[in-house]
mmCIF file of all heavy atoms, coordinates in Angstrom:
data_MODEL
# 
_entry.id   MODEL 
# 
loop_
_atom_site.group_PDB 
_atom_site.id 
_atom_site.type_symbol 
_atom_site.label_atom_id 
_atom_site.label_alt_id 
_atom_site.label_comp_id 
_atom_site.label_asym_id 
_atom_site.label_entity_id 
_atom_site.label_seq_id 
_atom_site.pdbx_PDB_ins_code 
_atom_site.Cartn_x 
_atom_site.Cartn_y 
_atom_site.Cartn_z 
_atom_site.occupancy 
_atom_site.B_iso_or_equiv 
_atom_site.pdbx_formal_charge 
_atom_site.auth_seq_id 
_atom_site.auth_comp_id 
_atom_site.auth_asym_id 
_atom_site.auth_atom_id 
_atom_site.pdbx_PDB_model_num 
ATOM 1   N N   . LEU A 1 1  ? -4.281  -254.264 -18.357 1.00 0.00 ? 1  LEU A N   1 
ATOM 2   C CA  . LEU A 1 1  ? -5.739  -254.333 -18.341 1.00 0.00 ? 1  LEU A CA  1 
ATOM 3   C C   . LEU A 1 1  ? -6.289  -254.672 -19.726 1.00 0.00 ? 1  LEU A C   1 
ATOM 4   O O   . LEU A 1 1  ? -7.220  -255.475 -19.864 1.00 0.00 ? 1  LEU A O   1 
ATOM 5   C CB  . LEU A 1 1  ? -6.312  -252.999 -17.849 1.00 0.00 ? 1  LEU A CB  1 
ATOM 6   C CG  . LEU A 1 1  ? -6.138  -252.720 -16.344 1.00 0.00 ? 1  LEU A CG  1 
ATOM 7   C CD1 . LEU A 1 1  ? -6.413  -251.252 -16.048 1.00 0.00 ? 1  LEU A CD1 1 
ATOM 8   C CD2 . LEU A 1 1  ? -7.051  -253.610 -15.533 1.00 0.00 ? 1  LEU A CD2 1 
ATOM 9   N N   . ARG A 1 2  ? -5.721  -254.068 -20.762 1.00 0.00 ? 2  ARG A N   1 
ATOM 10  C CA  . ARG A 1 2  ? -6.184  -254.368 -22.119 1.00 0.00 ? 2  ARG A CA  1 
ATOM 11  C C   . ARG A 1 2  ? -5.849  -255.796 -22.504 1.00 0.00 ? 2  ARG A C   1 
ATOM 12  O O   . ARG A 1 2  ? -6.649  -256.484 -23.143 1.00 0.00 ? 2  ARG A O   1 
ATOM 13  C CB  . ARG A 1 2  ? -5.558  -253.393 -23.130 1.00 0.00 ? 2  ARG A CB  1 
ATOM 14  C CG  . ARG A 1 2  ? -6.062  -253.614 -24.552 1.00 0.00 ? 2  ARG A CG  1 
ATOM 15  C CD  . ARG A 1 2  ? -5.399  -252.704 -25.548 1.00 0.00 ? 2  ARG A CD  1 
ATOM 16  N NE  . ARG A 1 2  ? -3.960  -252.912 -25.625 1.00 0.00 ? 2  ARG A NE  1 
ATOM 17  C CZ  . ARG A 1 2  ? -3.172  -252.295 -26.504 1.00 0.00 ? 2  ARG A CZ  1 
ATOM 18  N NH1 . ARG A 1 2  ? -3.683  -251.415 -27.361 1.00 0.00 ? 2  ARG A NH1 1 
ATOM 19  N NH2 . ARG A 1 2  ? -1.876  -252.524 -26.517 1.00 0.00 ? 2  ARG A NH2 1 
ATOM 20  N N   . TRP A 1 3  ? -4.674  -256.264 -22.109 1.00 0.00 ? 3  TRP A N   1 
ATOM 21  C CA  . TRP A 1 3  ? -4.291  -257.644 -22.402 1.00 0.00 ? 3  TRP A CA  1 
ATOM 22  C C   . TRP A 1 3  ? -5.263  -258.614 -21.742 1.00 0.00 ? 3  TRP A C   1 
ATOM 23  O O   . TRP A 1 3  ? -5.667  -259.616 -22.337 1.00 0.00 ? 3  TRP A O   1 
ATOM 24  C CB  . TRP A 1 3  ? -2.860  -257.891 -21.922 1.00 0.00 ? 3  TRP A CB  1 
ATOM 25  C CG  . TRP A 1 3  ? -2.254  -259.155 -22.427 1.00 0.00 ? 3  TRP A CG  1 
ATOM 26  C CD1 . TRP A 1 3  ? -2.755  -259.982 -23.403 1.00 0.00 ? 3  TRP A CD1 1 
ATOM 27  C CD2 . TRP A 1 3  ? -1.026  -259.752 -21.996 1.00 0.00 ? 3  TRP A CD2 1 
ATOM 28  N NE1 . TRP A 1 3  ? -1.915  -261.049 -23.601 1.00 0.00 ? 3  TRP A NE1 1 
ATOM 29  C CE2 . TRP A 1 3  ? -0.857  -260.931 -22.752 1.00 0.00 ? 3  TRP A CE2 1 
ATOM 30  C CE3 . TRP A 1 3  ? -0.067  -259.398 -21.057 1.00 0.00 ? 3  TRP A CE3 1 
ATOM 31  C CZ2 . TRP A 1 3  ? 0.253   -261.758 -22.577 1.00 0.00 ? 3  TRP A CZ2 1 
ATOM 32  C CZ3 . TRP A 1 3  ? 1.029   -260.209 -20.885 1.00 0.00 ? 3  TRP A CZ3 1 
ATOM 33  C CH2 . TRP A 1 3  ? 1.190   -261.383 -21.636 1.00 0.00 ? 3  TRP A CH2 1 
ATOM 34  N N   . GLY A 1 4  ? -5.661  -258.300 -20.519 1.00 0.00 ? 4  GLY A N   1 
ATOM 35  C CA  . GLY A 1 4  ? -6.636  -259.143 -19.841 1.00 0.00 ? 4  GLY A CA  1 
ATOM 36  C C   . GLY A 1 4  ? -7.967  -259.165 -20.573 1.00 0.00 ? 4  GLY A C   1 
ATOM 37  O O   . GLY A 1 4  ? -8.621  -260.219 -20.665 1.00 0.00 ? 4  GLY A O   1 
ATOM 38  N N   . ALA A 1 5  ? -8.376  -258.014 -21.112 1.00 0.00 ? 5  ALA A N   1 
ATOM 39  C CA  . ALA A 1 5  ? -9.626  -257.960 -21.875 1.00 0.00 ? 5  ALA A CA  1 
ATOM 40  C C   . ALA A 1 5  ? -9.519  -258.773 -23.162 1.00 0.00 ? 5  ALA A C   1 
ATOM 41  O O   . ALA A 1 5  ? -10.496 -259.422 -23.582 1.00 0.00 ? 5  ALA A O   1 
ATOM 42  C CB  . ALA A 1 5  ? -9.969  -256.505 -22.194 1.00 0.00 ? 5  ALA A CB  1 
ATOM 43  N N   . LEU A 1 6  ? -8.352  -258.772 -23.794 1.00 0.00 ? 6  LEU A N   1 
ATOM 44  C CA  . LEU A 1 6  ? -8.160  -259.552 -25.021 1.00 0.00 ? 6  LEU A CA  1 
ATOM 45  C C   . LEU A 1 6  ? -8.089  -261.048 -24.723 1.00 0.00 ? 6  LEU A C   1 
ATOM 46  O O   . LEU A 1 6  ? -8.506  -261.877 -25.544 1.00 0.00 ? 6  LEU A O   1 
ATOM 47  C CB  . LEU A 1 6  ? -6.886  -259.101 -25.733 1.00 0.00 ? 6  LEU A CB  1 
ATOM 48  C CG  . LEU A 1 6  ? -6.911  -257.689 -26.326 1.00 0.00 ? 6  LEU A CG  1 
ATOM 49  C CD1 . LEU A 1 6  ? -5.530  -257.287 -26.827 1.00 0.00 ? 6  LEU A CD1 1 
ATOM 50  C CD2 . LEU A 1 6  ? -7.923  -257.587 -27.459 1.00 0.00 ? 6  LEU A CD2 1 
ATOM 51  N N   . LEU A 1 7  ? -7.565  -261.397 -23.538 1.00 0.00 ? 7  LEU A N   1 
ATOM 52  C CA  . LEU A 1 7  ? -7.470  -262.804 -23.161 1.00 0.00 ? 7  LEU A CA  1 
ATOM 53  C C   . LEU A 1 7  ? -8.809  -263.377 -22.695 1.00 0.00 ? 7  LEU A C   1 
ATOM 54  O O   . LEU A 1 7  ? -9.000  -264.594 -22.695 1.00 0.00 ? 7  LEU A O   1 
ATOM 55  C CB  . LEU A 1 7  ? -6.449  -262.976 -22.032 1.00 0.00 ? 7  LEU A CB  1 
ATOM 56  C CG  . LEU A 1 7  ? -4.995  -263.219 -22.426 1.00 0.00 ? 7  LEU A CG  1 
ATOM 57  C CD1 . LEU A 1 7  ? -4.101  -263.094 -21.199 1.00 0.00 ? 7  LEU A CD1 1 
ATOM 58  C CD2 . LEU A 1 7  ? -4.817  -264.579 -23.085 1.00 0.00 ? 7  LEU A CD2 1 
ATOM 59  N N   . LYS A 1 8  ? -9.718  -262.505 -22.307 1.00 0.00 ? 8  LYS A N   1 
ATOM 60  C CA  . LYS A 1 8  ? -10.972 -262.946 -21.699 1.00 0.00 ? 8  LYS A CA  1 
ATOM 61  C C   . LYS A 1 8  ? -11.733 -263.973 -22.542 1.00 0.00 ? 8  LYS A C   1 
ATOM 62  O O   . LYS A 1 8  ? -12.280 -264.943 -21.994 1.00 0.00 ? 8  LYS A O   1 
ATOM 63  C CB  . LYS A 1 8  ? -11.857 -261.734 -21.415 1.00 0.00 ? 8  LYS A CB  1 
ATOM 64  C CG  . LYS A 1 8  ? -13.001 -262.019 -20.449 1.00 0.00 ? 8  LYS A CG  1 
ATOM 65  C CD  . LYS A 1 8  ? -13.817 -260.757 -20.200 1.00 0.00 ? 8  LYS A CD  1 
ATOM 66  C CE  . LYS A 1 8  ? -12.959 -259.671 -19.582 1.00 0.00 ? 8  LYS A CE  1 
ATOM 67  N NZ  . LYS A 1 8  ? -13.749 -258.434 -19.323 1.00 0.00 ? 8  LYS A NZ  1 
ATOM 68  N N   . PRO A 1 9  ? -11.809 -263.822 -23.891 1.00 0.00 ? 9  PRO A N   1 
ATOM 69  C CA  . PRO A 1 9  ? -12.511 -264.851 -24.672 1.00 0.00 ? 9  PRO A CA  1 
ATOM 70  C C   . PRO A 1 9  ? -11.835 -266.217 -24.633 1.00 0.00 ? 9  PRO A C   1 
ATOM 71  O O   . PRO A 1 9  ? -12.462 -267.233 -24.956 1.00 0.00 ? 9  PRO A O   1 
ATOM 72  C CB  . PRO A 1 9  ? -12.494 -264.274 -26.101 1.00 0.00 ? 9  PRO A CB  1 
ATOM 73  C CG  . PRO A 1 9  ? -12.317 -262.809 -25.926 1.00 0.00 ? 9  PRO A CG  1 
ATOM 74  C CD  . PRO A 1 9  ? -11.432 -262.677 -24.724 1.00 0.00 ? 9  PRO A CD  1 
ATOM 75  N N   . LEU A 1 10 ? -10.550 -266.263 -24.227 1.00 0.00 ? 10 LEU A N   1 
ATOM 76  C CA  . LEU A 1 10 ? -9.805  -267.525 -24.205 1.00 0.00 ? 10 LEU A CA  1 
ATOM 77  C C   . LEU A 1 10 ? -9.657  -268.076 -22.796 1.00 0.00 ? 10 LEU A C   1 
ATOM 78  O O   . LEU A 1 10 ? -9.961  -269.239 -22.532 1.00 0.00 ? 10 LEU A O   1 
ATOM 79  C CB  . LEU A 1 10 ? -8.414  -267.315 -24.830 1.00 0.00 ? 10 LEU A CB  1 
ATOM 80  C CG  . LEU A 1 10 ? -8.392  -266.839 -26.287 1.00 0.00 ? 10 LEU A CG  1 
ATOM 81  C CD1 . LEU A 1 10 ? -6.966  -266.516 -26.711 1.00 0.00 ? 10 LEU A CD1 1 
ATOM 82  C CD2 . LEU A 1 10 ? -8.983  -267.889 -27.203 1.00 0.00 ? 10 LEU A CD2 1 
ATOM 83  N N   . VAL A 1 11 ? -9.184  -267.234 -21.870 1.00 0.00 ? 11 VAL A N   1 
ATOM 84  C CA  . VAL A 1 11 ? -8.947  -267.692 -20.500 1.00 0.00 ? 11 VAL A CA  1 
ATOM 85  C C   . VAL A 1 11 ? -8.778  -266.458 -19.615 1.00 0.00 ? 11 VAL A C   1 
ATOM 86  O O   . VAL A 1 11 ? -8.176  -265.468 -20.035 1.00 0.00 ? 11 VAL A O   1 
ATOM 87  C CB  . VAL A 1 11 ? -7.689  -268.586 -20.430 1.00 0.00 ? 11 VAL A CB  1 
ATOM 88  C CG1 . VAL A 1 11 ? -6.455  -267.830 -20.877 1.00 0.00 ? 11 VAL A CG1 1 
ATOM 89  C CG2 . VAL A 1 11 ? -7.494  -269.149 -19.031 1.00 0.00 ? 11 VAL A CG2 1 
ATOM 90  N N   . PRO A 1 12 ? -9.312  -266.472 -18.389 1.00 0.00 ? 12 PRO A N   1 
ATOM 91  C CA  . PRO A 1 12 ? -9.096  -265.336 -17.483 1.00 0.00 ? 12 PRO A CA  1 
ATOM 92  C C   . PRO A 1 12 ? -7.669  -265.335 -16.949 1.00 0.00 ? 12 PRO A C   1 
ATOM 93  O O   . PRO A 1 12 ? -7.042  -266.386 -16.812 1.00 0.00 ? 12 PRO A O   1 
ATOM 94  C CB  . PRO A 1 12 ? -10.120 -265.581 -16.365 1.00 0.00 ? 12 PRO A CB  1 
ATOM 95  C CG  . PRO A 1 12 ? -10.324 -267.064 -16.364 1.00 0.00 ? 12 PRO A CG  1 
ATOM 96  C CD  . PRO A 1 12 ? -10.194 -267.502 -17.801 1.00 0.00 ? 12 PRO A CD  1 
ATOM 97  N N   . ALA A 1 13 ? -7.160  -264.161 -16.653 1.00 0.00 ? 13 ALA A N   1 
ATOM 98  C CA  . ALA A 1 13 ? -5.803  -264.035 -16.114 1.00 0.00 ? 13 ALA A CA  1 
ATOM 99  C C   . ALA A 1 13 ? -5.791  -262.959 -15.043 1.00 0.00 ? 13 ALA A C   1 
ATOM 100 O O   . ALA A 1 13 ? -6.547  -261.990 -15.109 1.00 0.00 ? 13 ALA A O   1 
ATOM 101 C CB  . ALA A 1 13 ? -4.812  -263.702 -17.230 1.00 0.00 ? 13 ALA A CB  1 
ATOM 102 N N   . ARG A 1 14 ? -4.919  -263.145 -14.050 1.00 0.00 ? 14 ARG A N   1 
ATOM 103 C CA  . ARG A 1 14 ? -4.817  -262.187 -12.954 1.00 0.00 ? 14 ARG A CA  1 
ATOM 104 C C   . ARG A 1 14 ? -4.078  -260.932 -13.409 1.00 0.00 ? 14 ARG A C   1 
ATOM 105 O O   . ARG A 1 14 ? -3.079  -261.010 -14.143 1.00 0.00 ? 14 ARG A O   1 
ATOM 106 C CB  . ARG A 1 14 ? -4.087  -262.805 -11.765 1.00 0.00 ? 14 ARG A CB  1 
ATOM 107 C CG  . ARG A 1 14 ? -4.848  -263.947 -11.096 1.00 0.00 ? 14 ARG A CG  1 
ATOM 108 C CD  . ARG A 1 14 ? -4.100  -264.437 -9.869  1.00 0.00 ? 14 ARG A CD  1 
ATOM 109 N NE  . ARG A 1 14 ? -2.818  -265.026 -10.231 1.00 0.00 ? 14 ARG A NE  1 
ATOM 110 C CZ  . ARG A 1 14 ? -2.637  -266.322 -10.477 1.00 0.00 ? 14 ARG A CZ  1 
ATOM 111 N NH1 . ARG A 1 14 ? -3.663  -267.160 -10.416 1.00 0.00 ? 14 ARG A NH1 1 
ATOM 112 N NH2 . ARG A 1 14 ? -1.446  -266.785 -10.775 1.00 0.00 ? 14 ARG A NH2 1 
ATOM 113 N N   . LEU A 1 15 ? -4.547  -259.776 -12.952 1.00 0.00 ? 15 LEU A N   1 
ATOM 114 C CA  . LEU A 1 15 ? -3.949  -258.512 -13.349 1.00 0.00 ? 15 LEU A CA  1 
ATOM 115 C C   . LEU A 1 15 ? -2.492  -258.423 -12.919 1.00 0.00 ? 15 LEU A C   1 
ATOM 116 O O   . LEU A 1 15 ? -1.646  -257.911 -13.660 1.00 0.00 ? 15 LEU A O   1 
ATOM 117 C CB  . LEU A 1 15 ? -4.747  -257.343 -12.761 1.00 0.00 ? 15 LEU A CB  1 
ATOM 118 C CG  . LEU A 1 15 ? -4.213  -255.937 -13.066 1.00 0.00 ? 15 LEU A CG  1 
ATOM 119 C CD1 . LEU A 1 15 ? -4.179  -255.685 -14.571 1.00 0.00 ? 15 LEU A CD1 1 
ATOM 120 C CD2 . LEU A 1 15 ? -5.056  -254.880 -12.370 1.00 0.00 ? 15 LEU A CD2 1 
ATOM 121 N N   . SER A 1 16 ? -2.171  -258.920 -11.730 1.00 0.00 ? 16 SER A N   1 
ATOM 122 C CA  . SER A 1 16 ? -0.787  -258.859 -11.252 1.00 0.00 ? 16 SER A CA  1 
ATOM 123 C C   . SER A 1 16 ? 0.146   -259.637 -12.175 1.00 0.00 ? 16 SER A C   1 
ATOM 124 O O   . SER A 1 16 ? 1.252   -259.180 -12.487 1.00 0.00 ? 16 SER A O   1 
ATOM 125 C CB  . SER A 1 16 ? -0.698  -259.406 -9.828  1.00 0.00 ? 16 SER A CB  1 
ATOM 126 O OG  . SER A 1 16 ? -1.161  -260.747 -9.773  1.00 0.00 ? 16 SER A OG  1 
ATOM 127 N N   . ASP A 1 17 ? -0.291  -260.815 -12.624 1.00 0.00 ? 17 ASP A N   1 
ATOM 128 C CA  . ASP A 1 17 ? 0.527   -261.615 -13.531 1.00 0.00 ? 17 ASP A CA  1 
ATOM 129 C C   . ASP A 1 17 ? 0.665   -260.924 -14.886 1.00 0.00 ? 17 ASP A C   1 
ATOM 130 O O   . ASP A 1 17 ? 1.727   -260.950 -15.517 1.00 0.00 ? 17 ASP A O   1 
ATOM 131 C CB  . ASP A 1 17 ? -0.085  -263.003 -13.720 1.00 0.00 ? 17 ASP A CB  1 
ATOM 132 C CG  . ASP A 1 17 ? -0.062  -263.816 -12.435 1.00 0.00 ? 17 ASP A CG  1 
ATOM 133 O OD1 . ASP A 1 17 ? 0.818   -263.562 -11.594 1.00 0.00 ? 17 ASP A OD1 1 
ATOM 134 O OD2 . ASP A 1 17 ? -0.935  -264.686 -12.265 1.00 0.00 ? 17 ASP A OD2 1 
ATOM 135 N N   . LEU A 1 18 ? -0.414  -260.315 -15.344 1.00 0.00 ? 18 LEU A N   1 
ATOM 136 C CA  . LEU A 1 18 ? -0.382  -259.605 -16.621 1.00 0.00 ? 18 LEU A CA  1 
ATOM 137 C C   . LEU A 1 18 ? 0.587   -258.432 -16.573 1.00 0.00 ? 18 LEU A C   1 
ATOM 138 O O   . LEU A 1 18 ? 1.336   -258.186 -17.526 1.00 0.00 ? 18 LEU A O   1 
ATOM 139 C CB  . LEU A 1 18 ? -1.786  -259.109 -16.980 1.00 0.00 ? 18 LEU A CB  1 
ATOM 140 C CG  . LEU A 1 18 ? -2.810  -260.183 -17.343 1.00 0.00 ? 18 LEU A CG  1 
ATOM 141 C CD1 . LEU A 1 18 ? -4.215  -259.592 -17.351 1.00 0.00 ? 18 LEU A CD1 1 
ATOM 142 C CD2 . LEU A 1 18 ? -2.491  -260.785 -18.705 1.00 0.00 ? 18 LEU A CD2 1 
ATOM 143 N N   . PHE A 1 19 ? 0.598   -257.719 -15.453 1.00 0.00 ? 19 PHE A N   1 
ATOM 144 C CA  . PHE A 1 19 ? 1.487   -256.563 -15.320 1.00 0.00 ? 19 PHE A CA  1 
ATOM 145 C C   . PHE A 1 19 ? 2.946   -257.009 -15.284 1.00 0.00 ? 19 PHE A C   1 
ATOM 146 O O   . PHE A 1 19 ? 3.806   -256.412 -15.950 1.00 0.00 ? 19 PHE A O   1 
ATOM 147 C CB  . PHE A 1 19 ? 1.152   -255.778 -14.053 1.00 0.00 ? 19 PHE A CB  1 
ATOM 148 C CG  . PHE A 1 19 ? 1.973   -254.529 -13.893 1.00 0.00 ? 19 PHE A CG  1 
ATOM 149 C CD1 . PHE A 1 19 ? 1.638   -253.369 -14.580 1.00 0.00 ? 19 PHE A CD1 1 
ATOM 150 C CD2 . PHE A 1 19 ? 3.090   -254.500 -13.062 1.00 0.00 ? 19 PHE A CD2 1 
ATOM 151 C CE1 . PHE A 1 19 ? 2.397   -252.210 -14.442 1.00 0.00 ? 19 PHE A CE1 1 
ATOM 152 C CE2 . PHE A 1 19 ? 3.851   -253.354 -12.916 1.00 0.00 ? 19 PHE A CE2 1 
ATOM 153 C CZ  . PHE A 1 19 ? 3.502   -252.213 -13.614 1.00 0.00 ? 19 PHE A CZ  1 
ATOM 154 N N   . VAL A 1 20 ? 3.242   -258.052 -14.508 1.00 0.00 ? 20 VAL A N   1 
ATOM 155 C CA  . VAL A 1 20 ? 4.619   -258.556 -14.433 1.00 0.00 ? 20 VAL A CA  1 
ATOM 156 C C   . VAL A 1 20 ? 5.089   -259.021 -15.810 1.00 0.00 ? 20 VAL A C   1 
ATOM 157 O O   . VAL A 1 20 ? 6.199   -258.676 -16.257 1.00 0.00 ? 20 VAL A O   1 
ATOM 158 C CB  . VAL A 1 20 ? 4.721   -259.705 -13.410 1.00 0.00 ? 20 VAL A CB  1 
ATOM 159 C CG1 . VAL A 1 20 ? 6.096   -260.363 -13.487 1.00 0.00 ? 20 VAL A CG1 1 
ATOM 160 C CG2 . VAL A 1 20 ? 4.464   -259.193 -12.000 1.00 0.00 ? 20 VAL A CG2 1 
ATOM 161 N N   . ALA A 1 21 ? 4.261   -259.803 -16.514 1.00 0.00 ? 21 ALA A N   1 
ATOM 162 C CA  . ALA A 1 21 ? 4.641   -260.308 -17.833 1.00 0.00 ? 21 ALA A CA  1 
ATOM 163 C C   . ALA A 1 21 ? 4.812   -259.167 -18.830 1.00 0.00 ? 21 ALA A C   1 
ATOM 164 O O   . ALA A 1 21 ? 5.719   -259.189 -19.672 1.00 0.00 ? 21 ALA A O   1 
ATOM 165 C CB  . ALA A 1 21 ? 3.587   -261.291 -18.339 1.00 0.00 ? 21 ALA A CB  1 
ATOM 166 N N   . THR A 1 22 ? 3.955   -258.149 -18.732 1.00 0.00 ? 22 THR A N   1 
ATOM 167 C CA  . THR A 1 22 ? 4.038   -257.008 -19.652 1.00 0.00 ? 22 THR A CA  1 
ATOM 168 C C   . THR A 1 22 ? 5.343   -256.250 -19.468 1.00 0.00 ? 22 THR A C   1 
ATOM 169 O O   . THR A 1 22 ? 6.052   -255.965 -20.438 1.00 0.00 ? 22 THR A O   1 
ATOM 170 C CB  . THR A 1 22 ? 2.846   -256.064 -19.436 1.00 0.00 ? 22 THR A CB  1 
ATOM 171 O OG1 . THR A 1 22 ? 1.635   -256.743 -19.771 1.00 0.00 ? 22 THR A OG1 1 
ATOM 172 C CG2 . THR A 1 22 ? 2.973   -254.825 -20.316 1.00 0.00 ? 22 THR A CG2 1 
ATOM 173 N N   . THR A 1 23 ? 5.681   -255.911 -18.234 1.00 0.00 ? 23 THR A N   1 
ATOM 174 C CA  . THR A 1 23 ? 6.888   -255.125 -17.996 1.00 0.00 ? 23 THR A CA  1 
ATOM 175 C C   . THR A 1 23 ? 8.152   -255.929 -18.295 1.00 0.00 ? 23 THR A C   1 
ATOM 176 O O   . THR A 1 23 ? 9.115   -255.398 -18.866 1.00 0.00 ? 23 THR A O   1 
ATOM 177 C CB  . THR A 1 23 ? 6.921   -254.613 -16.544 1.00 0.00 ? 23 THR A CB  1 
ATOM 178 O OG1 . THR A 1 23 ? 6.715   -255.723 -15.643 1.00 0.00 ? 23 THR A OG1 1 
ATOM 179 C CG2 . THR A 1 23 ? 5.831   -253.594 -16.318 1.00 0.00 ? 23 THR A CG2 1 
ATOM 180 N N   . ILE A 1 24 ? 8.157   -257.211 -17.935 1.00 0.00 ? 24 ILE A N   1 
ATOM 181 C CA  . ILE A 1 24 ? 9.318   -258.050 -18.259 1.00 0.00 ? 24 ILE A CA  1 
ATOM 182 C C   . ILE A 1 24 ? 9.446   -258.185 -19.775 1.00 0.00 ? 24 ILE A C   1 
ATOM 183 O O   . ILE A 1 24 ? 10.559  -258.133 -20.325 1.00 0.00 ? 24 ILE A O   1 
ATOM 184 C CB  . ILE A 1 24 ? 9.184   -259.431 -17.595 1.00 0.00 ? 24 ILE A CB  1 
ATOM 185 C CG1 . ILE A 1 24 ? 9.372   -259.317 -16.083 1.00 0.00 ? 24 ILE A CG1 1 
ATOM 186 C CG2 . ILE A 1 24 ? 10.214  -260.406 -18.165 1.00 0.00 ? 24 ILE A CG2 1 
ATOM 187 C CD1 . ILE A 1 24 ? 9.168   -260.615 -15.330 1.00 0.00 ? 24 ILE A CD1 1 
# 
């Protein structure tokens, strides 16, 4: 969720993708 908030000024991203990328 925090990564998505940091990405928001650049590009929106889906939470599911953010979670998968974070854990991997």
